Amino acid sequence: KQWYQRRVAITAGIASLPYVMIYLGYTSGGYLSDLLVRNKILSKTWTRKWCSVAAMFIPAILLTGMAYCENNVPILILMNIAMYFQGYANPCYYVNYADLSPRFSAILCGIGNGLCAVAGILGPIAVGLLVNDVDPNDHDKLHERWKIAFLSASAVWMFGSVQYCVFGSAEVQPWNSHGLEEETSVEDEDLLYAYAEESSRGFGI
């Protein structure tokens, strides 16, 4: 019984590590990006792009390394480091909705998170199709299938990082003010931007 409880405790501790790491990434990424913007070291747009490299490109490299690992220990280490850098997504594209359109940020966030949820559903299904027909005792073939899964995820992350670095922006878009002149006063418009600014600070920019 004591051995079983010890095993459960170890397994629970290992399973919780990615969440601890991503929390550390959220807090440190938010602090660093806020420091860059407040001290005018980087513009808000370049801060977002820098965070996108940390949140997507670095984990992609680590996933590529995981694809060639044959031992569980280095895989766990690389995965947890990747989860830490994934936390930098918070001051990157998670708050970018408020940058682009303070008026429509809730709608944009809903669309973006909805698409993320679809990816979160399709990803495990795709991995299941890759590995479910493999004999668990055939370690070489199983490793090859997991290699495909890791490299595919790495390619998606790299593509996303490059796309964001090229096309990403933290500037308010012209369509944000569509119809604003007729519906709100100048004071109301200022309040909208002030609210968006304060909301972004809550996420760390």
Protein backbone atom coordinates (compact mmCIF):
# COMPACT_ATOMS: atom_id res chain seq x y z
CA LYS A 1 0.00 0.00 0.00
CA GLN A 2 2.79 2.44 0.89
CA TRP A 3 4.57 1.61 -2.38
CA TYR A 4 1.35 2.27 -4.33
CA GLN A 5 0.80 5.60 -2.57
CA ARG A 6 4.39 6.60 -3.27
CA ARG A 7 3.94 5.78 -6.97
CA VAL A 8 0.73 7.83 -7.12
CA ALA A 9 2.46 10.78 -5.45
CA ILE A 10 5.39 10.62 -7.90
CA THR A 11 3.06 10.33 -10.90
CA ALA A 12 0.93 13.25 -9.67
CA GLY A 13 4.02 15.37 -9.15
CA ILE A 14 5.31 14.67 -12.65
CA ALA A 15 1.87 15.32 -14.17
CA SER A 16 1.60 18.70 -12.40
CA LEU A 17 5.03 19.95 -13.51
CA PRO A 18 3.89 21.27 -16.94
CA TYR A 19 1.22 23.40 -15.26
CA VAL A 20 3.75 24.81 -12.82
CA MET A 21 6.12 25.60 -15.69
CA ILE A 22 3.49 27.32 -17.82
CA TYR A 23 2.44 29.38 -14.78
CA LEU A 24 6.05 30.51 -14.36
CA GLY A 25 6.12 31.34 -18.06
CA TYR A 26 2.94 33.39 -17.78
CA THR A 27 4.25 35.47 -14.88
CA SER A 28 7.83 35.97 -16.06
CA GLY A 29 6.75 36.59 -19.67
CA GLY A 30 4.22 39.18 -18.59
CA TYR A 31 6.74 40.93 -16.37
CA LEU A 32 9.48 41.00 -19.02
CA SER A 33 7.18 42.21 -21.80
CA ASP A 34 5.74 44.90 -19.54
CA LEU A 35 9.30 45.99 -18.72
CA LEU A 36 10.18 46.26 -22.41
CA VAL A 37 7.14 48.37 -23.26
CA ARG A 38 7.17 50.65 -20.21
CA ASN A 39 10.87 51.45 -20.59
CA LYS A 40 10.43 51.95 -24.36
CA ILE A 41 13.07 49.32 -25.11
CA LEU A 42 10.78 47.77 -27.73
CA SER A 43 7.51 48.87 -29.26
CA LYS A 44 4.40 46.95 -28.34
CA THR A 45 4.38 45.25 -31.76
CA TRP A 46 7.99 44.08 -31.48
CA THR A 47 7.40 42.95 -27.92
CA ARG A 48 4.52 40.79 -29.15
CA LYS A 49 6.74 39.34 -31.89
CA TRP A 50 9.56 38.65 -29.45
CA CYS A 51 7.10 36.80 -27.21
CA SER A 52 5.81 34.82 -30.20
CA VAL A 53 9.33 33.53 -30.84
CA ALA A 54 9.60 32.49 -27.19
CA ALA A 55 6.10 30.97 -27.12
CA MET A 56 6.20 29.07 -30.42
CA PHE A 57 9.63 28.84 -32.06
CA ILE A 58 11.57 27.75 -28.98
CA PRO A 59 9.02 25.03 -28.04
CA ALA A 60 9.10 23.89 -31.68
CA ILE A 61 12.87 23.36 -31.43
CA LEU A 62 12.41 21.49 -28.14
CA LEU A 63 9.71 19.30 -29.70
CA THR A 64 12.11 18.46 -32.50
CA GLY A 65 14.62 17.36 -29.86
CA MET A 66 11.94 15.26 -28.16
CA ALA A 67 11.29 13.44 -31.44
CA TYR A 68 14.82 12.00 -31.34
CA CYS A 69 14.91 11.11 -27.64
CA GLU A 70 14.72 7.43 -26.75
CA ASN A 71 14.48 7.87 -23.00
CA ASN A 72 11.60 9.25 -20.94
CA VAL A 73 13.74 11.48 -18.73
CA PRO A 74 15.06 13.87 -21.44
CA ILE A 75 11.56 13.94 -22.99
CA LEU A 76 10.08 15.08 -19.67
CA ILE A 77 12.79 17.70 -19.24
CA LEU A 78 12.36 19.11 -22.75
CA MET A 79 8.57 19.05 -22.45
CA ASN A 80 8.61 21.04 -19.23
CA ILE A 81 11.02 23.61 -20.65
CA ALA A 82 8.73 23.90 -23.69
CA MET A 83 5.74 24.46 -21.41
CA TYR A 84 7.59 27.27 -19.64
CA PHE A 85 8.16 29.11 -22.92
CA GLN A 86 4.59 28.38 -24.00
CA GLY A 87 3.61 30.67 -21.12
CA TYR A 88 4.97 33.57 -23.15
CA ALA A 89 1.89 33.24 -25.33
CA ASN A 90 -0.01 35.20 -22.67
CA PRO A 91 1.70 38.57 -23.39
CA CYS A 92 1.75 37.69 -27.10
CA TYR A 93 -1.33 36.66 -29.06
CA TYR A 94 -3.62 36.20 -26.03
CA VAL A 95 -3.72 39.96 -25.46
CA ASN A 96 -3.25 40.89 -29.11
CA TYR A 97 -7.04 40.95 -29.57
CA ALA A 98 -7.26 44.03 -27.33
CA ASP A 99 -4.40 45.65 -29.27
CA LEU A 100 -6.03 45.21 -32.65
CA SER A 101 -9.55 46.19 -31.67
CA PRO A 102 -10.53 47.34 -28.19
CA ARG A 103 -14.17 47.43 -29.32
CA PHE A 104 -14.34 43.94 -30.78
CA SER A 105 -11.70 42.15 -28.71
CA ALA A 106 -14.26 39.87 -27.04
CA ILE A 107 -15.57 38.68 -30.41
CA LEU A 108 -12.05 38.18 -31.77
CA CYS A 109 -11.03 36.31 -28.63
CA GLY A 110 -14.06 34.04 -28.94
CA ILE A 111 -13.23 33.23 -32.57
CA GLY A 112 -9.54 32.63 -31.82
CA ASN A 113 -10.19 30.46 -28.77
CA GLY A 114 -12.85 28.53 -30.70
CA LEU A 115 -10.34 27.67 -33.42
CA CYS A 116 -7.79 26.70 -30.74
CA ALA A 117 -10.38 24.37 -29.22
CA VAL A 118 -10.90 22.69 -32.60
CA ALA A 119 -7.15 22.13 -32.87
CA GLY A 120 -7.16 20.71 -29.35
CA ILE A 121 -9.78 18.18 -30.44
CA LEU A 122 -8.19 17.22 -33.76
CA GLY A 123 -4.64 16.92 -32.37
CA PRO A 124 -5.25 13.92 -30.07
CA ILE A 125 -7.37 12.25 -32.76
CA ALA A 126 -4.54 12.58 -35.28
CA VAL A 127 -1.99 11.19 -32.81
CA GLY A 128 -4.35 8.34 -31.97
CA LEU A 129 -4.61 7.42 -35.65
CA LEU A 130 -0.82 7.39 -35.84
CA VAL A 131 -0.07 5.18 -32.84
CA ASN A 132 -3.17 3.09 -32.09
CA ASP A 133 -2.47 0.44 -34.72
CA VAL A 134 1.08 -0.14 -33.51
CA ASP A 135 1.94 -3.07 -31.26
CA PRO A 136 3.00 -1.58 -27.87
CA ASN A 137 5.88 -4.08 -27.81
CA ASP A 138 7.20 -2.84 -31.15
CA HIS A 139 9.22 0.01 -29.63
CA ASP A 140 11.02 0.99 -32.82
CA LYS A 141 7.85 1.45 -34.85
CA LEU A 142 6.12 3.20 -31.93
CA HIS A 143 9.05 5.59 -31.61
CA GLU A 144 8.88 6.35 -35.34
CA ARG A 145 5.17 7.17 -35.11
CA TRP A 146 5.69 9.45 -32.11
CA LYS A 147 8.53 11.09 -34.00
CA ILE A 148 6.06 11.97 -36.76
CA ALA A 149 3.66 13.41 -34.18
CA PHE A 150 6.34 15.56 -32.51
CA LEU A 151 7.81 16.79 -35.80
CA SER A 152 4.34 17.65 -37.14
CA ALA A 153 3.54 19.69 -34.04
CA SER A 154 6.94 21.35 -34.29
CA ALA A 155 6.29 22.33 -37.92
CA VAL A 156 2.92 23.86 -37.01
CA TRP A 157 4.49 25.88 -34.20
CA MET A 158 7.34 27.11 -36.42
CA PHE A 159 4.93 28.10 -39.16
CA GLY A 160 2.78 30.00 -36.66
CA SER A 161 5.78 31.83 -35.22
CA VAL A 162 7.05 32.89 -38.65
CA GLN A 163 3.58 34.01 -39.71
CA TYR A 164 3.17 36.11 -36.58
CA CYS A 165 6.62 37.66 -36.88
CA VAL A 166 5.90 38.68 -40.48
CA PHE A 167 2.27 39.79 -40.25
CA GLY A 168 1.69 40.39 -36.53
CA SER A 169 0.85 43.87 -35.25
CA ALA A 170 -0.16 45.54 -32.02
CA GLU A 171 -1.58 48.64 -33.72
CA VAL A 172 -5.29 49.44 -33.51
CA GLN A 173 -6.88 48.51 -36.83
CA PRO A 174 -8.93 51.04 -38.86
CA TRP A 175 -12.07 48.90 -38.73
CA ASN A 176 -12.06 49.21 -34.96
CA SER A 177 -13.49 52.75 -35.31
CA HIS A 178 -16.09 51.86 -37.94
CA GLY A 179 -19.28 53.73 -37.08
CA LEU A 180 -17.77 55.06 -33.87
CA GLU A 181 -18.21 58.70 -34.86
CA GLU A 182 -21.95 58.29 -35.11
CA GLU A 183 -22.46 56.12 -32.04
CA THR A 184 -20.09 57.55 -29.42
CA SER A 185 -18.54 60.82 -28.41
CA VAL A 186 -14.81 61.55 -28.31
CA GLU A 187 -14.87 61.05 -24.53
CA ASP A 188 -16.43 57.60 -24.98
CA GLU A 189 -13.78 56.68 -27.52
CA ASP A 190 -11.03 57.71 -25.12
CA LEU A 191 -12.63 55.59 -22.43
CA LEU A 192 -12.65 52.58 -24.75
CA TYR A 193 -8.93 52.87 -25.43
CA ALA A 194 -8.15 53.49 -21.76
CA TYR A 195 -10.13 50.38 -20.82
CA ALA A 196 -8.30 48.30 -23.43
CA GLU A 197 -4.96 49.59 -22.14
CA GLU A 198 -5.77 48.70 -18.55
CA SER A 199 -7.10 45.26 -19.60
CA SER A 200 -3.86 44.55 -21.47
CA ARG A 201 -1.79 45.51 -18.44
CA GLY A 202 -3.62 42.87 -16.48
CA PHE A 203 -2.14 40.29 -18.85
CA GLY A 204 1.31 41.89 -18.76
CA ILE A 205 2.45 43.92 -21.76
